Amino acid sequence: MEIKEASKTQRERRGASSLKQMLMKRCSSFVKKSNEEDVPKKGYFAVYVGHFRDRHVIPITSLNHPTFKMMLQKSEEEFGFRQESGLTIPCDQNTFLTLLDSITSY
């Protein structure tokens, strides 16, 4: 019995060790990405807009506005939920800036 318990404990340790290594690898790649781009300050998030995917950092409070909710729905319809390179809003740059101005003055 003691031998089986020891081998079970060893397997658990190896499993925990490999899980820890996997998490560390993912976290380190996230840190590298964060250093490459400016990370928005607390209360803000980045979206990408237009043909050239210009980056805009906007307040999280924008999420409550009906117009922004509509833009998120359009984004989900066009790109789906799994956007690998950031949240992309399918909108012309000038239109987005006009909508953003009306949203932030809401």
PDB file of N, CA and C in Angstrom:
ATOM      1  N   MET A   1       0.812  -1.200   0.000  1.00  0.00           N
ATOM      2  CA  MET A   1       0.000   0.000   0.000  1.00  0.00           C
ATOM      3  C   MET A   1       0.850   1.256   0.000  1.00  0.00           C
ATOM      4  N   GLU A   2       1.913   1.286   0.787  1.00  0.00           N
ATOM      5  CA  GLU A   2       2.738   2.476   0.880  1.00  0.00           C
ATOM      6  C   GLU A   2       3.410   2.795  -0.450  1.00  0.00           C
ATOM      7  N   ILE A   3       3.780   1.780  -1.198  1.00  0.00           N
ATOM      8  CA  ILE A   3       4.437   1.994  -2.488  1.00  0.00           C
ATOM      9  C   ILE A   3       3.468   2.652  -3.464  1.00  0.00           C
ATOM     10  N   LYS A   4       2.222   2.185  -3.503  1.00  0.00           N
ATOM     11  CA  LYS A   4       1.230   2.777  -4.391  1.00  0.00           C
ATOM     12  C   LYS A   4       0.960   4.230  -4.011  1.00  0.00           C
ATOM     13  N   GLU A   5       0.871   4.527  -2.733  1.00  0.00           N
ATOM     14  CA  GLU A   5       0.621   5.901  -2.305  1.00  0.00           C
ATOM     15  C   GLU A   5       1.785   6.805  -2.683  1.00  0.00           C
ATOM     16  N   ALA A   6       2.994   6.308  -2.554  1.00  0.00           N
ATOM     17  CA  ALA A   6       4.167   7.109  -2.916  1.00  0.00           C
ATOM     18  C   ALA A   6       4.169   7.396  -4.412  1.00  0.00           C
ATOM     19  N   SER A   7       3.847   6.394  -5.225  1.00  0.00           N
ATOM     20  CA  SER A   7       3.853   6.620  -6.670  1.00  0.00           C
ATOM     21  C   SER A   7       2.718   7.567  -7.073  1.00  0.00           C
ATOM     22  N   LYS A   8       1.602   7.494  -6.394  1.00  0.00           N
ATOM     23  CA  LYS A   8       0.497   8.406  -6.666  1.00  0.00           C
ATOM     24  C   LYS A   8       0.911   9.832  -6.324  1.00  0.00           C
ATOM     25  N   THR A   9       1.580  10.018  -5.207  1.00  0.00           N
ATOM     26  CA  THR A   9       2.058  11.339  -4.803  1.00  0.00           C
ATOM     27  C   THR A   9       3.065  11.870  -5.813  1.00  0.00           C
ATOM     28  N   GLN A  10       3.950  11.008  -6.293  1.00  0.00           N
ATOM     29  CA  GLN A  10       4.929  11.426  -7.297  1.00  0.00           C
ATOM     30  C   GLN A  10       4.237  11.866  -8.584  1.00  0.00           C
ATOM     31  N   ARG A  11       3.218  11.119  -9.004  1.00  0.00           N
ATOM     32  CA  ARG A  11       2.475  11.504 -10.208  1.00  0.00           C
ATOM     33  C   ARG A  11       1.792  12.844 -10.011  1.00  0.00           C
ATOM     34  N   GLU A  12       1.207  13.059  -8.828  1.00  0.00           N
ATOM     35  CA  GLU A  12       0.555  14.333  -8.546  1.00  0.00           C
ATOM     36  C   GLU A  12       1.558  15.478  -8.601  1.00  0.00           C
ATOM     37  N   ARG A  13       2.749  15.259  -8.058  1.00  0.00           N
ATOM     38  CA  ARG A  13       3.786  16.301  -8.077  1.00  0.00           C
ATOM     39  C   ARG A  13       4.220  16.608  -9.506  1.00  0.00           C
ATOM     40  N   ARG A  14       4.411  15.548 -10.313  1.00  0.00           N
ATOM     41  CA  ARG A  14       4.809  15.755 -11.709  1.00  0.00           C
ATOM     42  C   ARG A  14       3.720  16.504 -12.467  1.00  0.00           C
ATOM     43  N   GLY A  15       2.469  16.131 -12.218  1.00  0.00           N
ATOM     44  CA  GLY A  15       1.344  16.805 -12.877  1.00  0.00           C
ATOM     45  C   GLY A  15       1.266  18.261 -12.466  1.00  0.00           C
ATOM     46  N   ALA A  16       1.442  18.533 -11.191  1.00  0.00           N
ATOM     47  CA  ALA A  16       1.412  19.915 -10.705  1.00  0.00           C
ATOM     48  C   ALA A  16       2.584  20.697 -11.271  1.00  0.00           C
ATOM     49  N   SER A  17       3.737  20.042 -11.375  1.00  0.00           N
ATOM     50  CA  SER A  17       4.923  20.698 -11.919  1.00  0.00           C
ATOM     51  C   SER A  17       4.721  21.066 -13.386  1.00  0.00           C
ATOM     52  N   SER A  18       4.167  20.150 -14.189  1.00  0.00           N
ATOM     53  CA  SER A  18       3.957  20.444 -15.603  1.00  0.00           C
ATOM     54  C   SER A  18       2.885  21.521 -15.779  1.00  0.00           C
ATOM     55  N   LEU A  19       1.859  21.517 -14.935  1.00  0.00           N
ATOM     56  CA  LEU A  19       0.832  22.551 -14.978  1.00  0.00           C
ATOM     57  C   LEU A  19       1.443  23.911 -14.640  1.00  0.00           C
ATOM     58  N   LYS A  20       2.301  23.926 -13.631  1.00  0.00           N
ATOM     59  CA  LYS A  20       2.969  25.171 -13.237  1.00  0.00           C
ATOM     60  C   LYS A  20       3.843  25.690 -14.375  1.00  0.00           C
ATOM     61  N   GLN A  21       4.574  24.804 -15.047  1.00  0.00           N
ATOM     62  CA  GLN A  21       5.426  25.208 -16.167  1.00  0.00           C
ATOM     63  C   GLN A  21       4.589  25.787 -17.309  1.00  0.00           C
ATOM     64  N   MET A  22       3.460  25.156 -17.601  1.00  0.00           N
ATOM     65  CA  MET A  22       2.599  25.635 -18.663  1.00  0.00           C
ATOM     66  C   MET A  22       2.062  27.032 -18.329  1.00  0.00           C
ATOM     67  N   LEU A  23       1.619  27.229 -17.091  1.00  0.00           N
ATOM     68  CA  LEU A  23       1.103  28.537 -16.679  1.00  0.00           C
ATOM     69  C   LEU A  23       2.189  29.600 -16.716  1.00  0.00           C
ATOM     70  N   MET A  24       3.392  29.248 -16.287  1.00  0.00           N
ATOM     71  CA  MET A  24       4.496  30.208 -16.311  1.00  0.00           C
ATOM     72  C   MET A  24       4.823  30.610 -17.749  1.00  0.00           C
ATOM     73  N   LYS A  25       4.766  29.659 -18.665  1.00  0.00           N
ATOM     74  CA  LYS A  25       5.049  29.948 -20.063  1.00  0.00           C
ATOM     75  C   LYS A  25       4.005  30.911 -20.624  1.00  0.00           C
ATOM     76  N   ARG A  26       2.738  30.651 -20.328  1.00  0.00           N
ATOM     77  CA  ARG A  26       1.674  31.536 -20.808  1.00  0.00           C
ATOM     78  C   ARG A  26       1.787  32.921 -20.189  1.00  0.00           C
ATOM     79  N   CYS A  27       2.066  32.984 -18.901  1.00  0.00           N
ATOM     80  CA  CYS A  27       2.197  34.276 -18.227  1.00  0.00           C
ATOM     81  C   CYS A  27       3.374  35.059 -18.784  1.00  0.00           C
ATOM     82  N   SER A  28       4.476  34.387 -19.049  1.00  0.00           N
ATOM     83  CA  SER A  28       5.645  35.094 -19.575  1.00  0.00           C
ATOM     84  C   SER A  28       5.370  35.619 -20.975  1.00  0.00           C
ATOM     85  N   SER A  29       4.612  34.885 -21.782  1.00  0.00           N
ATOM     86  CA  SER A  29       4.291  35.386 -23.113  1.00  0.00           C
ATOM     87  C   SER A  29       3.331  36.570 -23.008  1.00  0.00           C
ATOM     88  N   PHE A  30       2.452  36.571 -22.005  1.00  0.00           N
ATOM     89  CA  PHE A  30       1.556  37.702 -21.798  1.00  0.00           C
ATOM     90  C   PHE A  30       2.351  38.935 -21.394  1.00  0.00           C
ATOM     91  N   VAL A  31       3.332  38.768 -20.530  1.00  0.00           N
ATOM     92  CA  VAL A  31       4.159  39.891 -20.089  1.00  0.00           C
ATOM     93  C   VAL A  31       4.929  40.457 -21.271  1.00  0.00           C
ATOM     94  N   LYS A  32       5.452  39.590 -22.141  1.00  0.00           N
ATOM     95  CA  LYS A  32       6.172  40.069 -23.313  1.00  0.00           C
ATOM     96  C   LYS A  32       5.252  40.896 -24.200  1.00  0.00           C
ATOM     97  N   LYS A  33       4.015  40.423 -24.414  1.00  0.00           N
ATOM     98  CA  LYS A  33       3.061  41.177 -25.218  1.00  0.00           C
ATOM     99  C   LYS A  33       2.746  42.505 -24.556  1.00  0.00           C
ATOM    100  N   SER A  34       2.583  42.496 -23.240  1.00  0.00           N
ATOM    101  CA  SER A  34       2.245  43.718 -22.526  1.00  0.00           C
ATOM    102  C   SER A  34       3.345  44.753 -22.656  1.00  0.00           C
ATOM    103  N   ASN A  35       4.588  44.324 -22.656  1.00  0.00           N
ATOM    104  CA  ASN A  35       5.695  45.260 -22.788  1.00  0.00           C
ATOM    105  C   ASN A  35       5.798  45.805 -24.206  1.00  0.00           C
ATOM    106  N   GLU A  36       5.379  45.033 -25.196  1.00  0.00           N
ATOM    107  CA  GLU A  36       5.459  45.479 -26.574  1.00  0.00           C
ATOM    108  C   GLU A  36       4.453  46.586 -26.858  1.00  0.00           C
ATOM    109  N   GLU A  37       3.288  46.521 -26.292  1.00  0.00           N
ATOM    110  CA  GLU A  37       2.256  47.528 -26.488  1.00  0.00           C
ATOM    111  C   GLU A  37       2.018  48.239 -25.171  1.00  0.00           C
ATOM    112  N   ASP A  38       1.587  49.470 -25.261  1.00  0.00           N
ATOM    113  CA  ASP A  38       1.224  50.183 -24.048  1.00  0.00           C
ATOM    114  C   ASP A  38      -0.020  49.550 -23.465  1.00  0.00           C
ATOM    115  N   VAL A  39       0.047  49.205 -22.215  1.00  0.00           N
ATOM    116  CA  VAL A  39      -1.097  48.616 -21.537  1.00  0.00           C
ATOM    117  C   VAL A  39      -1.988  49.764 -21.065  1.00  0.00           C
ATOM    118  N   PRO A  40      -3.278  49.728 -21.394  1.00  0.00           N
ATOM    119  CA  PRO A  40      -4.163  50.806 -20.951  1.00  0.00           C
ATOM    120  C   PRO A  40      -4.196  50.892 -19.430  1.00  0.00           C
ATOM    121  N   LYS A  41      -4.337  52.109 -18.936  1.00  0.00           N
ATOM    122  CA  LYS A  41      -4.417  52.269 -17.492  1.00  0.00           C
ATOM    123  C   LYS A  41      -5.763  51.745 -16.995  1.00  0.00           C
ATOM    124  N   LYS A  42      -5.849  51.588 -15.698  1.00  0.00           N
ATOM    125  CA  LYS A  42      -7.041  51.024 -15.080  1.00  0.00           C
ATOM    126  C   LYS A  42      -8.280  51.844 -15.474  1.00  0.00           C
ATOM    127  N   GLY A  43      -9.327  51.122 -15.852  1.00  0.00           N
ATOM    128  CA  GLY A  43     -10.576  51.775 -16.238  1.00  0.00           C
ATOM    129  C   GLY A  43     -10.682  52.027 -17.735  1.00  0.00           C
ATOM    130  N   TYR A  44      -9.694  51.567 -18.500  1.00  0.00           N
ATOM    131  CA  TYR A  44      -9.684  51.768 -19.948  1.00  0.00           C
ATOM    132  C   TYR A  44      -9.349  50.454 -20.647  1.00  0.00           C
ATOM    133  N   PHE A  45      -9.690  50.360 -21.934  1.00  0.00           N
ATOM    134  CA  PHE A  45      -9.315  49.194 -22.725  1.00  0.00           C
ATOM    135  C   PHE A  45      -9.076  49.632 -24.161  1.00  0.00           C
ATOM    136  N   ALA A  46      -8.373  48.799 -24.898  1.00  0.00           N
ATOM    137  CA  ALA A  46      -8.006  49.141 -26.267  1.00  0.00           C
ATOM    138  C   ALA A  46      -8.919  48.447 -27.264  1.00  0.00           C
ATOM    139  N   VAL A  47      -9.246  49.162 -28.326  1.00  0.00           N
ATOM    140  CA  VAL A  47      -9.967  48.599 -29.465  1.00  0.00           C
ATOM    141  C   VAL A  47      -9.210  48.995 -30.727  1.00  0.00           C
ATOM    142  N   TYR A  48      -9.419  48.217 -31.773  1.00  0.00           N
ATOM    143  CA  TYR A  48      -8.784  48.479 -33.057  1.00  0.00           C
ATOM    144  C   TYR A  48      -9.869  48.777 -34.077  1.00  0.00           C
ATOM    145  N   VAL A  49      -9.652  49.863 -34.846  1.00  0.00           N
ATOM    146  CA  VAL A  49     -10.709  50.384 -35.709  1.00  0.00           C
ATOM    147  C   VAL A  49     -10.162  50.690 -37.100  1.00  0.00           C
ATOM    148  N   GLY A  50     -11.013  50.477 -38.090  1.00  0.00           N
ATOM    149  CA  GLY A  50     -10.702  50.898 -39.445  1.00  0.00           C
ATOM    150  C   GLY A  50      -9.866  49.904 -40.221  1.00  0.00           C
ATOM    151  N   HIS A  51      -9.611  50.273 -41.461  1.00  0.00           N
ATOM    152  CA  HIS A  51      -8.869  49.413 -42.382  1.00  0.00           C
ATOM    153  C   HIS A  51      -7.449  49.135 -41.896  1.00  0.00           C
ATOM    154  N   PHE A  52      -6.833  50.135 -41.281  1.00  0.00           N
ATOM    155  CA  PHE A  52      -5.458  49.988 -40.811  1.00  0.00           C
ATOM    156  C   PHE A  52      -5.371  49.570 -39.344  1.00  0.00           C
ATOM    157  N   ARG A  53      -6.509  49.240 -38.765  1.00  0.00           N
ATOM    158  CA  ARG A  53      -6.584  48.782 -37.368  1.00  0.00           C
ATOM    159  C   ARG A  53      -5.888  49.755 -36.417  1.00  0.00           C
ATOM    160  N   ASP A  54      -6.296  51.018 -36.486  1.00  0.00           N
ATOM    161  CA  ASP A  54      -5.747  52.018 -35.578  1.00  0.00           C
ATOM    162  C   ASP A  54      -6.218  51.721 -34.167  1.00  0.00           C
ATOM    163  N   ARG A  55      -5.308  51.855 -33.223  1.00  0.00           N
ATOM    164  CA  ARG A  55      -5.587  51.517 -31.826  1.00  0.00           C
ATOM    165  C   ARG A  55      -6.131  52.730 -31.092  1.00  0.00           C
ATOM    166  N   HIS A  56      -7.225  52.515 -30.358  1.00  0.00           N
ATOM    167  CA  HIS A  56      -7.839  53.562 -29.544  1.00  0.00           C
ATOM    168  C   HIS A  56      -8.025  53.012 -28.133  1.00  0.00           C
ATOM    169  N   VAL A  57      -7.657  53.790 -27.147  1.00  0.00           N
ATOM    170  CA  VAL A  57      -7.858  53.418 -25.748  1.00  0.00           C
ATOM    171  C   VAL A  57      -9.048  54.224 -25.257  1.00  0.00           C
ATOM    172  N   ILE A  58     -10.076  53.496 -24.829  1.00  0.00           N
ATOM    173  CA  ILE A  58     -11.321  54.161 -24.446  1.00  0.00           C
ATOM    174  C   ILE A  58     -11.740  53.731 -23.045  1.00  0.00           C
ATOM    175  N   PRO A  59     -12.558  54.554 -22.374  1.00  0.00           N
ATOM    176  CA  PRO A  59     -12.988  54.208 -21.013  1.00  0.00           C
ATOM    177  C   PRO A  59     -13.951  53.014 -20.999  1.00  0.00           C
ATOM    178  N   ILE A  60     -13.836  52.223 -19.966  1.00  0.00           N
ATOM    179  CA  ILE A  60     -14.711  51.058 -19.810  1.00  0.00           C
ATOM    180  C   ILE A  60     -16.171  51.482 -19.691  1.00  0.00           C
ATOM    181  N   THR A  61     -16.416  52.672 -19.185  1.00  0.00           N
ATOM    182  CA  THR A  61     -17.797  53.155 -19.051  1.00  0.00           C
ATOM    183  C   THR A  61     -18.503  53.228 -20.401  1.00  0.00           C
ATOM    184  N   SER A  62     -17.745  53.248 -21.496  1.00  0.00           N
ATOM    185  CA  SER A  62     -18.338  53.264 -22.840  1.00  0.00           C
ATOM    186  C   SER A  62     -19.153  52.008 -23.106  1.00  0.00           C
ATOM    187  N   LEU A  63     -18.825  50.932 -22.396  1.00  0.00           N
ATOM    188  CA  LEU A  63     -19.526  49.667 -22.613  1.00  0.00           C
ATOM    189  C   LEU A  63     -21.017  49.760 -22.285  1.00  0.00           C
ATOM    190  N   ASN A  64     -21.397  50.721 -21.462  1.00  0.00           N
ATOM    191  CA  ASN A  64     -22.800  50.868 -21.074  1.00  0.00           C
ATOM    192  C   ASN A  64     -23.633  51.593 -22.126  1.00  0.00           C
ATOM    193  N   HIS A  65     -22.998  52.262 -23.042  1.00  0.00           N
ATOM    194  CA  HIS A  65     -23.723  53.063 -24.032  1.00  0.00           C
ATOM    195  C   HIS A  65     -24.347  52.161 -25.104  1.00  0.00           C
ATOM    196  N   PRO A  66     -25.618  52.413 -25.460  1.00  0.00           N
ATOM    197  CA  PRO A  66     -26.294  51.575 -26.467  1.00  0.00           C
ATOM    198  C   PRO A  66     -25.574  51.539 -27.813  1.00  0.00           C
ATOM    199  N   THR A  67     -24.994  52.641 -28.229  1.00  0.00           N
ATOM    200  CA  THR A  67     -24.287  52.674 -29.512  1.00  0.00           C
ATOM    201  C   THR A  67     -23.066  51.765 -29.476  1.00  0.00           C
ATOM    202  N   PHE A  68     -22.337  51.785 -28.368  1.00  0.00           N
ATOM    203  CA  PHE A  68     -21.164  50.925 -28.271  1.00  0.00           C
ATOM    204  C   PHE A  68     -21.574  49.456 -28.207  1.00  0.00           C
ATOM    205  N   LYS A  69     -22.681  49.177 -27.535  1.00  0.00           N
ATOM    206  CA  LYS A  69     -23.190  47.801 -27.505  1.00  0.00           C
ATOM    207  C   LYS A  69     -23.512  47.323 -28.919  1.00  0.00           C
ATOM    208  N   MET A  70     -24.063  48.228 -29.732  1.00  0.00           N
ATOM    209  CA  MET A  70     -24.376  47.887 -31.112  1.00  0.00           C
ATOM    210  C   MET A  70     -23.081  47.604 -31.889  1.00  0.00           C
ATOM    211  N   MET A  71     -22.037  48.403 -31.656  1.00  0.00           N
ATOM    212  CA  MET A  71     -20.757  48.167 -32.331  1.00  0.00           C
ATOM    213  C   MET A  71     -20.157  46.819 -31.921  1.00  0.00           C
ATOM    214  N   LEU A  72     -20.304  46.458 -30.656  1.00  0.00           N
ATOM    215  CA  LEU A  72     -19.806  45.156 -30.195  1.00  0.00           C
ATOM    216  C   LEU A  72     -20.561  44.012 -30.851  1.00  0.00           C
ATOM    217  N   GLN A  73     -21.869  44.179 -31.039  1.00  0.00           N
ATOM    218  CA  GLN A  73     -22.650  43.151 -31.720  1.00  0.00           C
ATOM    219  C   GLN A  73     -22.200  42.991 -33.171  1.00  0.00           C
ATOM    220  N   LYS A  74     -21.937  44.108 -33.838  1.00  0.00           N
ATOM    221  CA  LYS A  74     -21.442  44.059 -35.221  1.00  0.00           C
ATOM    222  C   LYS A  74     -20.079  43.378 -35.273  1.00  0.00           C
ATOM    223  N   SER A  75     -19.243  43.666 -34.298  1.00  0.00           N
ATOM    224  CA  SER A  75     -17.928  43.042 -34.226  1.00  0.00           C
ATOM    225  C   SER A  75     -18.055  41.539 -34.057  1.00  0.00           C
ATOM    226  N   GLU A  76     -18.951  41.116 -33.183  1.00  0.00           N
ATOM    227  CA  GLU A  76     -19.164  39.686 -32.945  1.00  0.00           C
ATOM    228  C   GLU A  76     -19.700  39.009 -34.199  1.00  0.00           C
ATOM    229  N   GLU A  77     -20.610  39.675 -34.914  1.00  0.00           N
ATOM    230  CA  GLU A  77     -21.164  39.103 -36.144  1.00  0.00           C
ATOM    231  C   GLU A  77     -20.095  38.943 -37.223  1.00  0.00           C
ATOM    232  N   GLU A  78     -19.210  39.941 -37.320  1.00  0.00           N
ATOM    233  CA  GLU A  78     -18.209  39.908 -38.388  1.00  0.00           C
ATOM    234  C   GLU A  78     -16.993  39.058 -38.044  1.00  0.00           C
ATOM    235  N   PHE A  79     -16.526  39.138 -36.794  1.00  0.00           N
ATOM    236  CA  PHE A  79     -15.276  38.475 -36.434  1.00  0.00           C
ATOM    237  C   PHE A  79     -15.443  37.316 -35.455  1.00  0.00           C
ATOM    238  N   GLY A  80     -16.586  37.184 -34.816  1.00  0.00           N
ATOM    239  CA  GLY A  80     -16.779  36.155 -33.808  1.00  0.00           C
ATOM    240  C   GLY A  80     -16.203  36.578 -32.467  1.00  0.00           C
ATOM    241  N   PHE A  81     -16.294  35.713 -31.481  1.00  0.00           N
ATOM    242  CA  PHE A  81     -15.817  36.025 -30.142  1.00  0.00           C
ATOM    243  C   PHE A  81     -14.321  35.832 -29.988  1.00  0.00           C
ATOM    244  N   ARG A  82     -13.714  35.006 -30.809  1.00  0.00           N
ATOM    245  CA  ARG A  82     -12.290  34.674 -30.663  1.00  0.00           C
ATOM    246  C   ARG A  82     -11.456  35.535 -31.600  1.00  0.00           C
ATOM    247  N   GLN A  83     -11.181  36.742 -31.171  1.00  0.00           N
ATOM    248  CA  GLN A  83     -10.340  37.645 -31.944  1.00  0.00           C
ATOM    249  C   GLN A  83      -8.942  37.583 -31.357  1.00  0.00           C
ATOM    250  N   GLU A  84      -8.026  37.012 -32.108  1.00  0.00           N
ATOM    251  CA  GLU A  84      -6.676  36.764 -31.617  1.00  0.00           C
ATOM    252  C   GLU A  84      -5.865  38.041 -31.436  1.00  0.00           C
ATOM    253  N   SER A  85      -6.118  39.048 -32.246  1.00  0.00           N
ATOM    254  CA  SER A  85      -5.254  40.234 -32.204  1.00  0.00           C
ATOM    255  C   SER A  85      -5.977  41.464 -31.659  1.00  0.00           C
ATOM    256  N   GLY A  86      -6.762  41.298 -30.629  1.00  0.00           N
ATOM    257  CA  GLY A  86      -7.434  42.423 -29.992  1.00  0.00           C
ATOM    258  C   GLY A  86      -8.844  42.630 -30.509  1.00  0.00           C
ATOM    259  N   LEU A  87      -9.605  43.372 -29.742  1.00  0.00           N
ATOM    260  CA  LEU A  87     -10.998  43.650 -30.082  1.00  0.00           C
ATOM    261  C   LEU A  87     -11.050  44.615 -31.259  1.00  0.00           C
ATOM    262  N   THR A  88     -11.573  44.142 -32.372  1.00  0.00           N
ATOM    263  CA  THR A  88     -11.651  44.947 -33.586  1.00  0.00           C
ATOM    264  C   THR A  88     -13.089  45.384 -33.812  1.00  0.00           C
ATOM    265  N   ILE A  89     -13.269  46.679 -34.018  1.00  0.00           N
ATOM    266  CA  ILE A  89     -14.587  47.248 -34.293  1.00  0.00           C
ATOM    267  C   ILE A  89     -14.676  47.474 -35.799  1.00  0.00           C
ATOM    268  N   PRO A  90     -15.658  46.834 -36.477  1.00  0.00           N
ATOM    269  CA  PRO A  90     -15.780  46.992 -37.931  1.00  0.00           C
ATOM    270  C   PRO A  90     -16.466  48.313 -38.269  1.00  0.00           C
ATOM    271  N   CYS A  91     -15.679  49.365 -38.293  1.00  0.00           N
ATOM    272  CA  CYS A  91     -16.238  50.691 -38.460  1.00  0.00           C
ATOM    273  C   CYS A  91     -15.177  51.573 -39.109  1.00  0.00           C
ATOM    274  N   ASP A  92     -15.592  52.517 -39.901  1.00  0.00           N
ATOM    275  CA  ASP A  92     -14.687  53.495 -40.472  1.00  0.00           C
ATOM    276  C   ASP A  92     -14.093  54.353 -39.349  1.00  0.00           C
ATOM    277  N   GLN A  93     -12.845  54.741 -39.512  1.00  0.00           N
ATOM    278  CA  GLN A  93     -12.128  55.514 -38.495  1.00  0.00           C
ATOM    279  C   GLN A  93     -12.874  56.796 -38.110  1.00  0.00           C
ATOM    280  N   ASN A  94     -13.283  57.579 -39.100  1.00  0.00           N
ATOM    281  CA  ASN A  94     -13.968  58.852 -38.821  1.00  0.00           C
ATOM    282  C   ASN A  94     -15.314  58.636 -38.149  1.00  0.00           C
ATOM    283  N   THR A  95     -16.039  57.624 -38.590  1.00  0.00           N
ATOM    284  CA  THR A  95     -17.335  57.308 -37.976  1.00  0.00           C
ATOM    285  C   THR A  95     -17.144  56.909 -36.521  1.00  0.00           C
ATOM    286  N   PHE A  96     -16.134  56.082 -36.273  1.00  0.00           N
ATOM    287  CA  PHE A  96     -15.861  55.655 -34.904  1.00  0.00           C
ATOM    288  C   PHE A  96     -15.532  56.845 -34.000  1.00  0.00           C
ATOM    289  N   LEU A  97     -14.705  57.759 -34.488  1.00  0.00           N
ATOM    290  CA  LEU A  97     -14.331  58.923 -33.682  1.00  0.00           C
ATOM    291  C   LEU A  97     -15.548  59.798 -33.372  1.00  0.00           C
ATOM    292  N   THR A  98     -16.440  59.930 -34.347  1.00  0.00           N
ATOM    293  CA  THR A  98     -17.672  60.694 -34.129  1.00  0.00           C
ATOM    294  C   THR A  98     -18.549  60.007 -33.080  1.00  0.00           C
ATOM    295  N   LEU A  99     -18.708  58.674 -33.208  1.00  0.00           N
ATOM    296  CA  LEU A  99     -19.497  57.919 -32.239  1.00  0.00           C
ATOM    297  C   LEU A  99     -18.854  57.957 -30.851  1.00  0.00           C
ATOM    298  N   LEU A 100     -17.539  57.845 -30.803  1.00  0.00           N
ATOM    299  CA  LEU A 100     -16.825  57.880 -29.532  1.00  0.00           C
ATOM    300  C   LEU A 100     -17.027  59.224 -28.840  1.00  0.00           C
ATOM    301  N   ASP A 101     -17.020  60.296 -29.614  1.00  0.00           N
ATOM    302  CA  ASP A 101     -17.246  61.623 -29.048  1.00  0.00           C
ATOM    303  C   ASP A 101     -18.631  61.712 -28.435  1.00  0.00           C
ATOM    304  N   SER A 102     -19.634  61.164 -29.118  1.00  0.00           N
ATOM    305  CA  SER A 102     -20.990  61.205 -28.569  1.00  0.00           C
ATOM    306  C   SER A 102     -21.150  60.276 -27.367  1.00  0.00           C
ATOM    307  N   ILE A 103     -20.433  59.171 -27.377  1.00  0.00           N
ATOM    308  CA  ILE A 103     -20.494  58.220 -26.267  1.00  0.00           C
ATOM    309  C   ILE A 103     -19.859  58.824 -25.011  1.00  0.00           C
ATOM    310  N   THR A 104     -18.691  59.433 -25.157  1.00  0.00           N
ATOM    311  CA  THR A 104     -17.996  59.968 -23.976  1.00  0.00           C
ATOM    312  C   THR A 104     -18.672  61.198 -23.401  1.00  0.00           C
ATOM    313  N   SER A 105     -19.505  61.861 -24.221  1.00  0.00           N
ATOM    314  CA  SER A 105     -20.250  63.008 -23.680  1.00  0.00           C
ATOM    315  C   SER A 105     -21.620  62.594 -23.162  1.00  0.00           C
ATOM    316  N   TYR A 106     -21.915  61.294 -23.156  1.00  0.00           N
ATOM    317  CA  TYR A 106     -23.184  60.697 -22.731  1.00  0.00           C
ATOM    318  C   TYR A 106     -23.443  60.908 -21.278  1.00  0.00           C
TER     319      TYR A 106
END
